[in-house]
Amino acid sequence: MKTNAIFYHAGCPVCIAAEHTIAEALDPAKYAVEVVHLGSDKSRLKEAEAAGVKSVPALVMNGAAFHINFGADIAALR
């Protein structure tokens, strides 16, 4: 059974670099990775915040948000 993982980002260079380095490095046999661009899909902001995302890029898996570097504060995406 695959573990779900959601990679939230805002499209900035830091976010894109993190997506290519982190999200794409996860083993697709073990992880079902969904990439969510919060800059263009603002309807998912509440979901990201509820999952503990404070800034992007962030990877949410196993009920925890892992913040990768600091591209943008979640409040700046509103």
Protein backbone atom coordinates (compact mmCIF):
# COMPACT_ATOMS: atom_id res chain seq x y z
CA MET A 1 0.00 0.00 0.00
CA LYS A 2 1.31 3.43 -0.96
CA THR A 3 1.66 6.32 1.44
CA ASN A 4 0.02 9.54 0.28
CA ALA A 5 2.25 12.61 0.15
CA ILE A 6 1.26 16.13 -0.87
CA PHE A 7 3.91 18.58 -2.01
CA TYR A 8 2.65 22.16 -1.67
CA HIS A 9 4.41 25.00 -3.46
CA ALA A 10 3.85 28.45 -4.93
CA GLY A 11 5.79 28.19 -8.17
CA CYS A 12 8.80 30.24 -7.03
CA PRO A 13 12.33 29.08 -7.96
CA VAL A 14 12.92 27.69 -4.45
CA CYS A 15 9.69 25.69 -4.69
CA ILE A 16 10.42 24.33 -8.15
CA ALA A 17 13.93 23.29 -7.10
CA ALA A 18 12.51 21.53 -4.03
CA GLU A 19 9.89 19.78 -6.15
CA HIS A 20 12.55 18.42 -8.48
CA THR A 21 14.87 17.44 -5.65
CA ILE A 22 12.48 16.13 -3.00
CA ALA A 23 9.07 15.24 -4.43
CA GLU A 24 10.44 13.57 -7.55
CA ALA A 25 12.98 11.62 -5.49
CA LEU A 26 10.32 9.71 -3.55
CA ASP A 27 9.95 6.11 -4.66
CA PRO A 28 6.71 5.94 -6.72
CA ALA A 29 6.27 2.32 -5.64
CA LYS A 30 6.00 3.51 -2.01
CA TYR A 31 4.54 7.01 -2.28
CA ALA A 32 1.61 8.50 -4.18
CA VAL A 33 2.78 12.10 -4.56
CA GLU A 34 0.36 14.89 -5.39
CA VAL A 35 1.83 18.26 -6.31
CA VAL A 36 -0.33 21.27 -5.40
CA HIS A 37 0.54 24.75 -6.71
CA LEU A 38 -1.05 27.01 -4.11
CA GLY A 39 -0.31 30.08 -6.19
CA SER A 40 -2.76 28.94 -8.84
CA ASP A 41 -5.05 26.73 -6.70
CA LYS A 42 -5.94 28.97 -3.76
CA SER A 43 -8.95 26.77 -2.96
CA ARG A 44 -6.50 24.37 -1.27
CA LEU A 45 -4.96 26.93 1.11
CA LYS A 46 -7.23 25.96 4.04
CA GLU A 47 -6.39 22.30 3.49
CA ALA A 48 -2.65 23.08 3.54
CA GLU A 49 -2.99 25.16 6.71
CA ALA A 50 -5.03 22.42 8.39
CA ALA A 51 -2.21 19.99 7.57
CA GLY A 52 0.27 22.27 9.37
CA VAL A 53 1.83 24.03 6.40
CA LYS A 54 3.24 27.40 7.49
CA SER A 55 5.37 28.13 4.43
CA VAL A 56 6.08 26.62 1.05
CA PRO A 57 7.63 24.48 -0.23
CA ALA A 58 6.35 21.84 2.15
CA LEU A 59 5.76 18.12 1.97
CA VAL A 60 2.91 16.62 3.99
CA MET A 61 2.99 12.92 4.71
CA ASN A 62 2.05 10.63 7.59
CA GLY A 63 0.13 13.48 9.21
CA ALA A 64 3.11 15.83 9.44
CA ALA A 65 4.21 18.87 7.46
CA PHE A 66 7.88 19.01 6.55
CA HIS A 67 9.00 22.50 5.58
CA ILE A 68 11.73 22.62 2.97
CA ASN A 69 13.76 25.84 2.86
CA PHE A 70 11.60 28.99 2.86
CA GLY A 71 10.07 30.18 -0.38
CA ALA A 72 6.93 31.99 0.82
CA ASP A 73 4.88 32.31 3.97
CA ILE A 74 1.45 30.70 3.55
CA ALA A 75 -0.19 34.05 4.44
CA ALA A 76 1.44 35.66 1.40
CA LEU A 77 -0.49 33.31 -0.90
CA ARG A 78 -3.92 34.70 -0.01
